[in-house]
Amino acid sequence: MSGTPHVHADEVPEGEAVALEVDGHSVVLCRVEGEICALSAICTHEDRSLAGGEVEDGVVTCPWHGARFDVRTGRVLALPALRPLETFPVRVDAEGWVHVNVP
């Protein structure tokens, strides 16, 4: 797991995709029912950022063309995207800092 905290858990609100850079990877964090999930920030449809995309019921919607992905698995739930998003392990430490493990 990455040793450097990236953001504080309080900075990841329900219903929003929060973008950050982790070791050269564009990542979005999404909070679903209190759990923070991390996935690739680049939509597989047209390489556009998911930052600012709506997150509802564990699904992030691309703000550009409406592709939808499961935030826990990266699985495509709605076209136009065809390929899933990469997901990354997340750990929240005792002080509330979010650590994301990218390859």
N, C-alpha and C. Protein backbone atom coordinates (compact mmCIF):
# COMPACT_ATOMS: atom_id res chain seq x y z
N MET A 1 0.85 -1.17 0.00
CA MET A 1 0.00 0.00 0.00
C MET A 1 0.90 1.23 0.00
N SER A 2 0.51 2.23 -0.73
CA SER A 2 1.30 3.44 -0.83
C SER A 2 1.52 4.06 0.54
N GLY A 3 2.75 4.50 0.82
CA GLY A 3 3.07 5.06 2.11
C GLY A 3 2.65 6.51 2.25
N THR A 4 2.37 7.19 1.16
CA THR A 4 2.04 8.61 1.20
C THR A 4 0.53 8.81 1.17
N PRO A 5 -0.03 9.50 2.15
CA PRO A 5 -1.46 9.79 2.08
C PRO A 5 -1.75 10.76 0.94
N HIS A 6 -2.90 10.63 0.34
CA HIS A 6 -3.23 11.44 -0.82
C HIS A 6 -4.23 12.55 -0.52
N VAL A 7 -5.28 12.23 0.18
CA VAL A 7 -6.27 13.21 0.62
C VAL A 7 -6.84 12.72 1.95
N HIS A 8 -7.51 13.61 2.64
CA HIS A 8 -8.19 13.21 3.86
C HIS A 8 -9.58 12.69 3.48
N ALA A 9 -10.05 11.68 4.18
CA ALA A 9 -11.35 11.08 3.87
C ALA A 9 -12.47 12.10 3.89
N ASP A 10 -12.36 13.14 4.71
CA ASP A 10 -13.39 14.18 4.77
C ASP A 10 -13.50 14.96 3.46
N GLU A 11 -12.48 14.88 2.60
CA GLU A 11 -12.48 15.60 1.33
C GLU A 11 -13.14 14.81 0.20
N VAL A 12 -13.67 13.64 0.53
CA VAL A 12 -14.33 12.79 -0.47
C VAL A 12 -15.81 12.69 -0.10
N PRO A 13 -16.64 13.58 -0.67
CA PRO A 13 -18.06 13.58 -0.31
C PRO A 13 -18.83 12.48 -1.04
N GLU A 14 -19.95 12.09 -0.47
CA GLU A 14 -20.87 11.19 -1.17
C GLU A 14 -21.35 11.91 -2.43
N GLY A 15 -21.53 11.17 -3.51
CA GLY A 15 -22.14 11.71 -4.71
C GLY A 15 -21.24 12.44 -5.67
N GLU A 16 -19.92 12.38 -5.46
CA GLU A 16 -19.01 13.14 -6.32
C GLU A 16 -17.73 12.35 -6.56
N ALA A 17 -17.18 12.47 -7.77
CA ALA A 17 -15.91 11.84 -8.11
C ALA A 17 -14.80 12.87 -7.91
N VAL A 18 -13.89 12.61 -6.98
CA VAL A 18 -12.80 13.53 -6.65
C VAL A 18 -11.53 13.05 -7.33
N ALA A 19 -10.94 13.90 -8.17
CA ALA A 19 -9.76 13.53 -8.95
C ALA A 19 -8.47 13.85 -8.21
N LEU A 20 -7.47 12.99 -8.41
CA LEU A 20 -6.13 13.25 -7.90
C LEU A 20 -5.13 12.44 -8.71
N GLU A 21 -3.89 12.79 -8.57
CA GLU A 21 -2.77 12.10 -9.22
C GLU A 21 -2.09 11.25 -8.18
N VAL A 22 -1.88 9.98 -8.48
CA VAL A 22 -1.20 9.06 -7.56
C VAL A 22 -0.10 8.35 -8.33
N ASP A 23 1.14 8.69 -8.01
CA ASP A 23 2.29 8.06 -8.65
C ASP A 23 2.17 8.04 -10.17
N GLY A 24 1.75 9.16 -10.75
CA GLY A 24 1.64 9.28 -12.20
C GLY A 24 0.36 8.73 -12.81
N HIS A 25 -0.57 8.25 -11.98
CA HIS A 25 -1.85 7.74 -12.46
C HIS A 25 -2.96 8.73 -12.12
N SER A 26 -3.85 9.00 -13.08
CA SER A 26 -5.04 9.81 -12.80
C SER A 26 -6.08 8.91 -12.17
N VAL A 27 -6.51 9.28 -10.96
CA VAL A 27 -7.41 8.45 -10.16
C VAL A 27 -8.59 9.31 -9.71
N VAL A 28 -9.77 8.69 -9.58
CA VAL A 28 -10.88 9.35 -8.91
C VAL A 28 -11.24 8.54 -7.68
N LEU A 29 -11.59 9.26 -6.62
CA LEU A 29 -12.08 8.64 -5.40
C LEU A 29 -13.58 8.89 -5.32
N CYS A 30 -14.32 7.87 -4.95
CA CYS A 30 -15.76 7.97 -4.79
C CYS A 30 -16.13 7.35 -3.45
N ARG A 31 -17.04 8.00 -2.73
CA ARG A 31 -17.52 7.46 -1.46
C ARG A 31 -18.91 6.87 -1.69
N VAL A 32 -19.04 5.60 -1.31
CA VAL A 32 -20.32 4.91 -1.46
C VAL A 32 -20.65 4.26 -0.12
N GLU A 33 -21.74 4.72 0.49
CA GLU A 33 -22.17 4.20 1.78
C GLU A 33 -21.02 4.20 2.79
N GLY A 34 -20.23 5.27 2.78
CA GLY A 34 -19.13 5.43 3.71
C GLY A 34 -17.82 4.82 3.26
N GLU A 35 -17.84 3.93 2.28
CA GLU A 35 -16.63 3.29 1.76
C GLU A 35 -16.02 4.14 0.64
N ILE A 36 -14.70 4.34 0.69
CA ILE A 36 -14.02 5.08 -0.36
C ILE A 36 -13.43 4.10 -1.36
N CYS A 37 -13.76 4.31 -2.63
CA CYS A 37 -13.27 3.47 -3.72
C CYS A 37 -12.40 4.31 -4.64
N ALA A 38 -11.40 3.67 -5.25
CA ALA A 38 -10.51 4.36 -6.18
C ALA A 38 -10.53 3.64 -7.52
N LEU A 39 -10.61 4.41 -8.58
CA LEU A 39 -10.57 3.84 -9.91
C LEU A 39 -9.93 4.82 -10.88
N SER A 40 -9.58 4.31 -12.04
CA SER A 40 -8.96 5.15 -13.06
C SER A 40 -9.87 6.34 -13.33
N ALA A 41 -9.26 7.51 -13.49
CA ALA A 41 -10.04 8.73 -13.71
C ALA A 41 -10.35 8.97 -15.18
N ILE A 42 -9.88 8.10 -16.05
CA ILE A 42 -10.04 8.32 -17.49
C ILE A 42 -11.07 7.35 -18.05
N CYS A 43 -12.17 7.89 -18.56
CA CYS A 43 -13.23 7.08 -19.14
C CYS A 43 -12.66 6.30 -20.32
N THR A 44 -13.02 5.04 -20.41
CA THR A 44 -12.50 4.19 -21.48
C THR A 44 -13.19 4.45 -22.81
N HIS A 45 -14.19 5.28 -22.84
CA HIS A 45 -14.88 5.59 -24.09
C HIS A 45 -14.05 6.51 -24.97
N GLU A 46 -13.68 7.69 -24.46
CA GLU A 46 -12.91 8.64 -25.26
C GLU A 46 -11.82 9.32 -24.47
N ASP A 47 -11.26 8.63 -23.49
CA ASP A 47 -10.14 9.17 -22.71
C ASP A 47 -10.42 10.54 -22.12
N ARG A 48 -11.61 10.74 -21.60
CA ARG A 48 -11.97 11.98 -20.93
C ARG A 48 -12.03 11.74 -19.43
N SER A 49 -11.78 12.79 -18.65
CA SER A 49 -11.75 12.67 -17.20
C SER A 49 -13.14 12.45 -16.61
N LEU A 50 -13.18 11.58 -15.61
CA LEU A 50 -14.41 11.35 -14.85
C LEU A 50 -14.56 12.34 -13.70
N ALA A 51 -13.57 13.21 -13.49
CA ALA A 51 -13.62 14.20 -12.41
C ALA A 51 -14.89 15.01 -12.52
N GLY A 52 -15.57 15.15 -11.41
CA GLY A 52 -16.81 15.90 -11.38
C GLY A 52 -18.01 15.08 -11.80
N GLY A 53 -17.78 13.83 -12.19
CA GLY A 53 -18.90 12.97 -12.57
C GLY A 53 -19.78 12.68 -11.37
N GLU A 54 -21.06 12.48 -11.63
CA GLU A 54 -22.01 12.18 -10.57
C GLU A 54 -21.83 10.74 -10.11
N VAL A 55 -21.91 10.54 -8.80
CA VAL A 55 -21.83 9.20 -8.21
C VAL A 55 -23.13 8.96 -7.45
N GLU A 56 -23.83 7.91 -7.85
CA GLU A 56 -25.10 7.59 -7.19
C GLU A 56 -25.27 6.08 -7.15
N ASP A 57 -25.62 5.57 -5.98
CA ASP A 57 -25.85 4.13 -5.80
C ASP A 57 -24.69 3.27 -6.30
N GLY A 58 -23.46 3.73 -6.04
CA GLY A 58 -22.28 2.95 -6.41
C GLY A 58 -21.92 3.00 -7.88
N VAL A 59 -22.46 3.98 -8.59
CA VAL A 59 -22.22 4.12 -10.03
C VAL A 59 -21.72 5.53 -10.31
N VAL A 60 -20.61 5.63 -11.06
CA VAL A 60 -20.12 6.93 -11.50
C VAL A 60 -20.50 7.09 -12.98
N THR A 61 -20.99 8.29 -13.30
CA THR A 61 -21.40 8.61 -14.67
C THR A 61 -20.41 9.59 -15.26
N CYS A 62 -19.89 9.27 -16.44
CA CYS A 62 -18.97 10.15 -17.13
C CYS A 62 -19.71 11.44 -17.48
N PRO A 63 -19.15 12.60 -17.10
CA PRO A 63 -19.83 13.87 -17.38
C PRO A 63 -19.81 14.25 -18.85
N TRP A 64 -19.03 13.56 -19.67
CA TRP A 64 -18.90 13.92 -21.08
C TRP A 64 -19.92 13.22 -21.97
N HIS A 65 -20.06 11.90 -21.84
CA HIS A 65 -20.92 11.16 -22.76
C HIS A 65 -21.86 10.19 -22.07
N GLY A 66 -21.87 10.18 -20.74
CA GLY A 66 -22.86 9.40 -20.00
C GLY A 66 -22.54 7.94 -19.75
N ALA A 67 -21.34 7.49 -20.12
CA ALA A 67 -20.98 6.10 -19.78
C ALA A 67 -21.06 5.94 -18.27
N ARG A 68 -21.45 4.74 -17.83
CA ARG A 68 -21.60 4.50 -16.39
C ARG A 68 -20.77 3.29 -15.99
N PHE A 69 -20.15 3.40 -14.78
CA PHE A 69 -19.26 2.37 -14.27
C PHE A 69 -19.57 2.07 -12.81
N ASP A 70 -19.43 0.82 -12.41
CA ASP A 70 -19.53 0.42 -11.02
C ASP A 70 -18.25 0.89 -10.32
N VAL A 71 -18.36 1.70 -9.27
CA VAL A 71 -17.16 2.26 -8.63
C VAL A 71 -16.36 1.22 -7.85
N ARG A 72 -16.97 0.12 -7.47
CA ARG A 72 -16.26 -0.91 -6.72
C ARG A 72 -15.48 -1.86 -7.62
N THR A 73 -16.02 -2.14 -8.81
CA THR A 73 -15.40 -3.13 -9.70
C THR A 73 -14.87 -2.55 -10.99
N GLY A 74 -15.30 -1.34 -11.36
CA GLY A 74 -14.92 -0.74 -12.64
C GLY A 74 -15.73 -1.24 -13.81
N ARG A 75 -16.65 -2.17 -13.57
CA ARG A 75 -17.44 -2.77 -14.64
C ARG A 75 -18.30 -1.73 -15.36
N VAL A 76 -18.37 -1.85 -16.69
CA VAL A 76 -19.21 -0.96 -17.50
C VAL A 76 -20.67 -1.31 -17.25
N LEU A 77 -21.49 -0.29 -16.98
CA LEU A 77 -22.91 -0.50 -16.75
C LEU A 77 -23.77 0.14 -17.83
N ALA A 78 -23.18 1.07 -18.61
CA ALA A 78 -23.94 1.72 -19.68
C ALA A 78 -22.98 2.22 -20.76
N LEU A 79 -23.42 2.06 -21.99
CA LEU A 79 -22.66 2.57 -23.15
C LEU A 79 -22.59 4.08 -23.07
N PRO A 80 -21.65 4.70 -23.75
CA PRO A 80 -20.90 4.18 -24.89
C PRO A 80 -19.60 3.47 -24.55
N ALA A 81 -19.17 3.45 -23.31
CA ALA A 81 -17.94 2.73 -22.96
C ALA A 81 -18.14 1.23 -23.12
N LEU A 82 -17.07 0.55 -23.50
CA LEU A 82 -17.12 -0.90 -23.67
C LEU A 82 -16.15 -1.63 -22.74
N ARG A 83 -15.08 -0.94 -22.33
CA ARG A 83 -14.06 -1.56 -21.46
C ARG A 83 -14.21 -1.06 -20.04
N PRO A 84 -13.97 -1.94 -19.06
CA PRO A 84 -14.07 -1.53 -17.66
C PRO A 84 -12.92 -0.60 -17.27
N LEU A 85 -13.11 0.07 -16.14
CA LEU A 85 -12.07 0.91 -15.56
C LEU A 85 -11.22 0.08 -14.61
N GLU A 86 -9.95 0.44 -14.49
CA GLU A 86 -9.08 -0.20 -13.51
C GLU A 86 -9.45 0.33 -12.12
N THR A 87 -9.45 -0.55 -11.14
CA THR A 87 -9.71 -0.15 -9.76
C THR A 87 -8.43 -0.35 -8.94
N PHE A 88 -8.34 0.35 -7.81
CA PHE A 88 -7.14 0.31 -6.98
C PHE A 88 -7.52 0.11 -5.51
N PRO A 89 -6.72 -0.65 -4.77
CA PRO A 89 -6.98 -0.83 -3.34
C PRO A 89 -6.83 0.50 -2.58
N VAL A 90 -7.69 0.67 -1.59
CA VAL A 90 -7.72 1.90 -0.78
C VAL A 90 -7.63 1.49 0.69
N ARG A 91 -6.88 2.29 1.44
CA ARG A 91 -6.83 2.13 2.90
C ARG A 91 -6.98 3.50 3.51
N VAL A 92 -7.81 3.62 4.52
CA VAL A 92 -7.94 4.86 5.28
C VAL A 92 -7.29 4.61 6.63
N ASP A 93 -6.26 5.41 6.96
CA ASP A 93 -5.54 5.18 8.21
C ASP A 93 -6.31 5.74 9.41
N ALA A 94 -5.77 5.54 10.59
CA ALA A 94 -6.45 5.92 11.83
C ALA A 94 -6.71 7.42 11.93
N GLU A 95 -5.91 8.22 11.23
CA GLU A 95 -6.12 9.68 11.25
C GLU A 95 -7.06 10.14 10.14
N GLY A 96 -7.54 9.21 9.30
CA GLY A 96 -8.48 9.56 8.24
C GLY A 96 -7.84 9.86 6.89
N TRP A 97 -6.52 9.64 6.76
CA TRP A 97 -5.86 9.88 5.48
C TRP A 97 -6.08 8.69 4.54
N VAL A 98 -6.35 9.00 3.29
CA VAL A 98 -6.63 7.97 2.28
C VAL A 98 -5.34 7.61 1.57
N HIS A 99 -5.03 6.33 1.52
CA HIS A 99 -3.87 5.80 0.81
C HIS A 99 -4.38 4.94 -0.34
N VAL A 100 -3.88 5.20 -1.55
CA VAL A 100 -4.29 4.45 -2.73
C VAL A 100 -3.07 3.69 -3.26
N ASN A 101 -3.25 2.42 -3.53
CA ASN A 101 -2.18 1.59 -4.06
C ASN A 101 -2.35 1.44 -5.56
N VAL A 102 -1.45 2.05 -6.33
CA VAL A 102 -1.48 1.90 -7.79
C VAL A 102 -0.29 1.05 -8.21
N PRO A 103 -0.39 0.38 -9.36
CA PRO A 103 0.73 -0.50 -9.79
C PRO A 103 2.00 0.28 -10.08
